[in-house]
Amino acid sequence: MLLRKDDQAVVIESSDHFEHILRVAVPEINGASARPGFEANRDVVIHREKVLSH
């Protein structure tokens, strides 16, 4: 688990460090709830884990 504060982000990049694969930001925290924001290249598919388990 990696903790982030409001308006901080984590970037996952390719092993050659030339391309950002995924950026996960926390633009909004409301009490105990956080709304993550995801930015990725168009060829990267992002699914909620719940969708994949069915």
PDB file of N, CA and C in Angstrom:
ATOM      1  N   MET A   1       0.856  -1.162   0.000  1.00  0.00           N
ATOM      2  CA  MET A   1       0.000   0.000   0.000  1.00  0.00           C
ATOM      3  C   MET A   1       0.903   1.226   0.000  1.00  0.00           C
ATOM      4  N   LEU A   2       0.620   2.138  -0.860  1.00  0.00           N
ATOM      5  CA  LEU A   2       1.354   3.394  -0.939  1.00  0.00           C
ATOM      6  C   LEU A   2       0.390   4.524  -0.621  1.00  0.00           C
ATOM      7  N   LEU A   3       0.702   5.309   0.366  1.00  0.00           N
ATOM      8  CA  LEU A   3      -0.197   6.380   0.791  1.00  0.00           C
ATOM      9  C   LEU A   3       0.154   7.683   0.087  1.00  0.00           C
ATOM     10  N   ARG A   4      -0.861   8.400  -0.338  1.00  0.00           N
ATOM     11  CA  ARG A   4      -0.694   9.707  -0.977  1.00  0.00           C
ATOM     12  C   ARG A   4      -1.602  10.698  -0.289  1.00  0.00           C
ATOM     13  N   LYS A   5      -1.194  11.940  -0.265  1.00  0.00           N
ATOM     14  CA  LYS A   5      -2.022  13.011   0.269  1.00  0.00           C
ATOM     15  C   LYS A   5      -2.808  13.644  -0.876  1.00  0.00           C
ATOM     16  N   ASP A   6      -3.726  14.502  -0.517  1.00  0.00           N
ATOM     17  CA  ASP A   6      -4.531  15.218  -1.498  1.00  0.00           C
ATOM     18  C   ASP A   6      -3.629  15.876  -2.551  1.00  0.00           C
ATOM     19  N   ASP A   7      -3.964  15.675  -3.806  1.00  0.00           N
ATOM     20  CA  ASP A   7      -3.290  16.282  -4.957  1.00  0.00           C
ATOM     21  C   ASP A   7      -1.868  15.761  -5.191  1.00  0.00           C
ATOM     22  N   GLN A   8      -1.552  14.558  -4.702  1.00  0.00           N
ATOM     23  CA  GLN A   8      -0.278  13.910  -4.997  1.00  0.00           C
ATOM     24  C   GLN A   8      -0.530  12.775  -5.982  1.00  0.00           C
ATOM     25  N   ALA A   9       0.527  12.323  -6.656  1.00  0.00           N
ATOM     26  CA  ALA A   9       0.371  11.275  -7.662  1.00  0.00           C
ATOM     27  C   ALA A   9       1.521  10.282  -7.600  1.00  0.00           C
ATOM     28  N   VAL A  10       1.287   9.122  -8.205  1.00  0.00           N
ATOM     29  CA  VAL A  10       2.296   8.089  -8.400  1.00  0.00           C
ATOM     30  C   VAL A  10       2.353   7.822  -9.894  1.00  0.00           C
ATOM     31  N   VAL A  11       3.563   7.702 -10.450  1.00  0.00           N
ATOM     32  CA  VAL A  11       3.728   7.431 -11.873  1.00  0.00           C
ATOM     33  C   VAL A  11       4.428   6.094 -12.049  1.00  0.00           C
ATOM     34  N   ILE A  12       3.866   5.242 -12.896  1.00  0.00           N
ATOM     35  CA  ILE A  12       4.487   3.977 -13.270  1.00  0.00           C
ATOM     36  C   ILE A  12       5.016   4.174 -14.680  1.00  0.00           C
ATOM     37  N   GLU A  13       6.304   3.902 -14.864  1.00  0.00           N
ATOM     38  CA  GLU A  13       6.891   4.126 -16.182  1.00  0.00           C
ATOM     39  C   GLU A  13       7.538   2.854 -16.699  1.00  0.00           C
ATOM     40  N   SER A  14       7.855   2.867 -17.984  1.00  0.00           N
ATOM     41  CA  SER A  14       8.489   1.715 -18.611  1.00  0.00           C
ATOM     42  C   SER A  14       9.887   1.516 -18.021  1.00  0.00           C
ATOM     43  N   SER A  15      10.423   0.319 -18.155  1.00  0.00           N
ATOM     44  CA  SER A  15      11.725   0.011 -17.566  1.00  0.00           C
ATOM     45  C   SER A  15      12.856   0.833 -18.177  1.00  0.00           C
ATOM     46  N   ASP A  16      12.659   1.364 -19.386  1.00  0.00           N
ATOM     47  CA  ASP A  16      13.695   2.205 -19.995  1.00  0.00           C
ATOM     48  C   ASP A  16      13.542   3.676 -19.589  1.00  0.00           C
ATOM     49  N   HIS A  17      12.533   3.992 -18.778  1.00  0.00           N
ATOM     50  CA  HIS A  17      12.288   5.330 -18.233  1.00  0.00           C
ATOM     51  C   HIS A  17      11.948   6.377 -19.291  1.00  0.00           C
ATOM     52  N   PHE A  18      11.532   5.957 -20.473  1.00  0.00           N
ATOM     53  CA  PHE A  18      11.201   6.904 -21.533  1.00  0.00           C
ATOM     54  C   PHE A  18       9.703   7.120 -21.693  1.00  0.00           C
ATOM     55  N   GLU A  19       8.902   6.277 -21.095  1.00  0.00           N
ATOM     56  CA  GLU A  19       7.462   6.368 -21.309  1.00  0.00           C
ATOM     57  C   GLU A  19       6.715   6.182 -20.002  1.00  0.00           C
ATOM     58  N   HIS A  20       5.792   7.109 -19.700  1.00  0.00           N
ATOM     59  CA  HIS A  20       4.912   6.929 -18.551  1.00  0.00           C
ATOM     60  C   HIS A  20       3.792   5.983 -18.957  1.00  0.00           C
ATOM     61  N   ILE A  21       3.628   4.905 -18.236  1.00  0.00           N
ATOM     62  CA  ILE A  21       2.599   3.911 -18.519  1.00  0.00           C
ATOM     63  C   ILE A  21       1.286   4.298 -17.844  1.00  0.00           C
ATOM     64  N   LEU A  22       1.379   4.715 -16.587  1.00  0.00           N
ATOM     65  CA  LEU A  22       0.179   5.007 -15.806  1.00  0.00           C
ATOM     66  C   LEU A  22       0.504   6.058 -14.752  1.00  0.00           C
ATOM     67  N   ARG A  23      -0.397   7.005 -14.590  1.00  0.00           N
ATOM     68  CA  ARG A  23      -0.293   8.006 -13.522  1.00  0.00           C
ATOM     69  C   ARG A  23      -1.556   7.894 -12.683  1.00  0.00           C
ATOM     70  N   VAL A  24      -1.380   7.707 -11.382  1.00  0.00           N
ATOM     71  CA  VAL A  24      -2.504   7.616 -10.457  1.00  0.00           C
ATOM     72  C   VAL A  24      -2.412   8.808  -9.513  1.00  0.00           C
ATOM     73  N   ALA A  25      -3.440   9.633  -9.511  1.00  0.00           N
ATOM     74  CA  ALA A  25      -3.473  10.826  -8.674  1.00  0.00           C
ATOM     75  C   ALA A  25      -4.629  10.739  -7.695  1.00  0.00           C
ATOM     76  N   VAL A  26      -4.536  11.506  -6.636  1.00  0.00           N
ATOM     77  CA  VAL A  26      -5.608  11.603  -5.650  1.00  0.00           C
ATOM     78  C   VAL A  26      -6.051  13.068  -5.633  1.00  0.00           C
ATOM     79  N   PRO A  27      -6.916  13.448  -6.579  1.00  0.00           N
ATOM     80  CA  PRO A  27      -7.313  14.852  -6.657  1.00  0.00           C
ATOM     81  C   PRO A  27      -8.282  15.286  -5.559  1.00  0.00           C
ATOM     82  N   GLU A  28      -8.936  14.326  -4.926  1.00  0.00           N
ATOM     83  CA  GLU A  28      -9.949  14.697  -3.934  1.00  0.00           C
ATOM     84  C   GLU A  28     -10.007  13.687  -2.799  1.00  0.00           C
ATOM     85  N   ILE A  29      -9.944  14.179  -1.574  1.00  0.00           N
ATOM     86  CA  ILE A  29     -10.137  13.355  -0.383  1.00  0.00           C
ATOM     87  C   ILE A  29     -11.257  13.997   0.421  1.00  0.00           C
ATOM     88  N   ASN A  30     -12.253  13.181   0.773  1.00  0.00           N
ATOM     89  CA  ASN A  30     -13.396  13.677   1.522  1.00  0.00           C
ATOM     90  C   ASN A  30     -13.586  12.763   2.730  1.00  0.00           C
ATOM     91  N   GLY A  31     -13.060  13.164   3.867  1.00  0.00           N
ATOM     92  CA  GLY A  31     -13.146  12.326   5.067  1.00  0.00           C
ATOM     93  C   GLY A  31     -12.330  11.065   4.883  1.00  0.00           C
ATOM     94  N   ALA A  32     -13.000   9.908   4.967  1.00  0.00           N
ATOM     95  CA  ALA A  32     -12.321   8.624   4.815  1.00  0.00           C
ATOM     96  C   ALA A  32     -12.344   8.122   3.375  1.00  0.00           C
ATOM     97  N   SER A  33     -12.922   8.880   2.457  1.00  0.00           N
ATOM     98  CA  SER A  33     -13.026   8.464   1.061  1.00  0.00           C
ATOM     99  C   SER A  33     -12.085   9.265   0.181  1.00  0.00           C
ATOM    100  N   ALA A  34     -11.472   8.577  -0.771  1.00  0.00           N
ATOM    101  CA  ALA A  34     -10.591   9.230  -1.744  1.00  0.00           C
ATOM    102  C   ALA A  34     -11.071   8.881  -3.140  1.00  0.00           C
ATOM    103  N   ARG A  35     -10.936   9.824  -4.055  1.00  0.00           N
ATOM    104  CA  ARG A  35     -11.303   9.588  -5.452  1.00  0.00           C
ATOM    105  C   ARG A  35     -10.027   9.562  -6.272  1.00  0.00           C
ATOM    106  N   PRO A  36      -9.566   8.377  -6.659  1.00  0.00           N
ATOM    107  CA  PRO A  36      -8.355   8.328  -7.469  1.00  0.00           C
ATOM    108  C   PRO A  36      -8.645   8.720  -8.912  1.00  0.00           C
ATOM    109  N   GLY A  37      -7.657   9.294  -9.542  1.00  0.00           N
ATOM    110  CA  GLY A  37      -7.742   9.625 -10.958  1.00  0.00           C
ATOM    111  C   GLY A  37      -6.647   8.879 -11.698  1.00  0.00           C
ATOM    112  N   PHE A  38      -6.969   8.312 -12.853  1.00  0.00           N
ATOM    113  CA  PHE A  38      -6.012   7.523 -13.617  1.00  0.00           C
ATOM    114  C   PHE A  38      -5.768   8.170 -14.966  1.00  0.00           C
ATOM    115  N   GLU A  39      -4.502   8.289 -15.347  1.00  0.00           N
ATOM    116  CA  GLU A  39      -4.130   8.769 -16.673  1.00  0.00           C
ATOM    117  C   GLU A  39      -3.205   7.727 -17.283  1.00  0.00           C
ATOM    118  N   ALA A  40      -3.515   7.315 -18.514  1.00  0.00           N
ATOM    119  CA  ALA A  40      -2.691   6.312 -19.181  1.00  0.00           C
ATOM    120  C   ALA A  40      -2.747   6.536 -20.688  1.00  0.00           C
ATOM    121  N   ASN A  41      -1.793   5.942 -21.375  1.00  0.00           N
ATOM    122  CA  ASN A  41      -1.818   5.968 -22.840  1.00  0.00           C
ATOM    123  C   ASN A  41      -3.062   5.236 -23.327  1.00  0.00           C
ATOM    124  N   ARG A  42      -3.496   5.569 -24.520  1.00  0.00           N
ATOM    125  CA  ARG A  42      -4.724   4.952 -25.058  1.00  0.00           C
ATOM    126  C   ARG A  42      -4.638   3.432 -25.179  1.00  0.00           C
ATOM    127  N   ASP A  43      -3.438   2.890 -25.340  1.00  0.00           N
ATOM    128  CA  ASP A  43      -3.299   1.441 -25.500  1.00  0.00           C
ATOM    129  C   ASP A  43      -3.263   0.691 -24.165  1.00  0.00           C
ATOM    130  N   VAL A  44      -3.316   1.408 -23.049  1.00  0.00           N
ATOM    131  CA  VAL A  44      -3.340   0.783 -21.728  1.00  0.00           C
ATOM    132  C   VAL A  44      -4.789   0.638 -21.289  1.00  0.00           C
ATOM    133  N   VAL A  45      -5.186  -0.588 -20.957  1.00  0.00           N
ATOM    134  CA  VAL A  45      -6.555  -0.869 -20.533  1.00  0.00           C
ATOM    135  C   VAL A  45      -6.598  -0.868 -19.004  1.00  0.00           C
ATOM    136  N   ILE A  46      -7.539  -0.122 -18.440  1.00  0.00           N
ATOM    137  CA  ILE A  46      -7.694  -0.052 -16.983  1.00  0.00           C
ATOM    138  C   ILE A  46      -9.094  -0.544 -16.628  1.00  0.00           C
ATOM    139  N   HIS A  47      -9.141  -1.537 -15.712  1.00  0.00           N
ATOM    140  CA  HIS A  47     -10.415  -2.092 -15.242  1.00  0.00           C
ATOM    141  C   HIS A  47     -10.426  -2.078 -13.729  1.00  0.00           C
ATOM    142  N   ARG A  48     -11.606  -1.990 -13.154  1.00  0.00           N
ATOM    143  CA  ARG A  48     -11.751  -2.214 -11.716  1.00  0.00           C
ATOM    144  C   ARG A  48     -11.579  -3.699 -11.482  1.00  0.00           C
ATOM    145  N   GLU A  49     -10.950  -4.073 -10.377  1.00  0.00           N
ATOM    146  CA  GLU A  49     -10.711  -5.479 -10.060  1.00  0.00           C
ATOM    147  C   GLU A  49     -12.024  -6.258  -9.995  1.00  0.00           C
ATOM    148  N   LYS A  50     -13.079  -5.644  -9.496  1.00  0.00           N
ATOM    149  CA  LYS A  50     -14.378  -6.297  -9.387  1.00  0.00           C
ATOM    150  C   LYS A  50     -14.878  -6.770 -10.763  1.00  0.00           C
ATOM    151  N   VAL A  51     -14.627  -5.991 -11.814  1.00  0.00           N
ATOM    152  CA  VAL A  51     -15.060  -6.355 -13.153  1.00  0.00           C
ATOM    153  C   VAL A  51     -14.295  -7.590 -13.645  1.00  0.00           C
ATOM    154  N   LEU A  52     -13.022  -7.673 -13.333  1.00  0.00           N
ATOM    155  CA  LEU A  52     -12.198  -8.794 -13.799  1.00  0.00           C
ATOM    156  C   LEU A  52     -12.506 -10.107 -13.090  1.00  0.00           C
ATOM    157  N   SER A  53     -13.030 -10.052 -11.885  1.00  0.00           N
ATOM    158  CA  SER A  53     -13.260 -11.264 -11.113  1.00  0.00           C
ATOM    159  C   SER A  53     -14.537 -12.000 -11.486  1.00  0.00           C
ATOM    160  N   HIS A  54     -15.322 -11.449 -12.424  1.00  0.00           N
ATOM    161  CA  HIS A  54     -16.579 -12.104 -12.821  1.00  0.00           C
ATOM    162  C   HIS A  54     -16.470 -12.695 -14.207  1.00  0.00           C
TER     163      HIS A  54
END
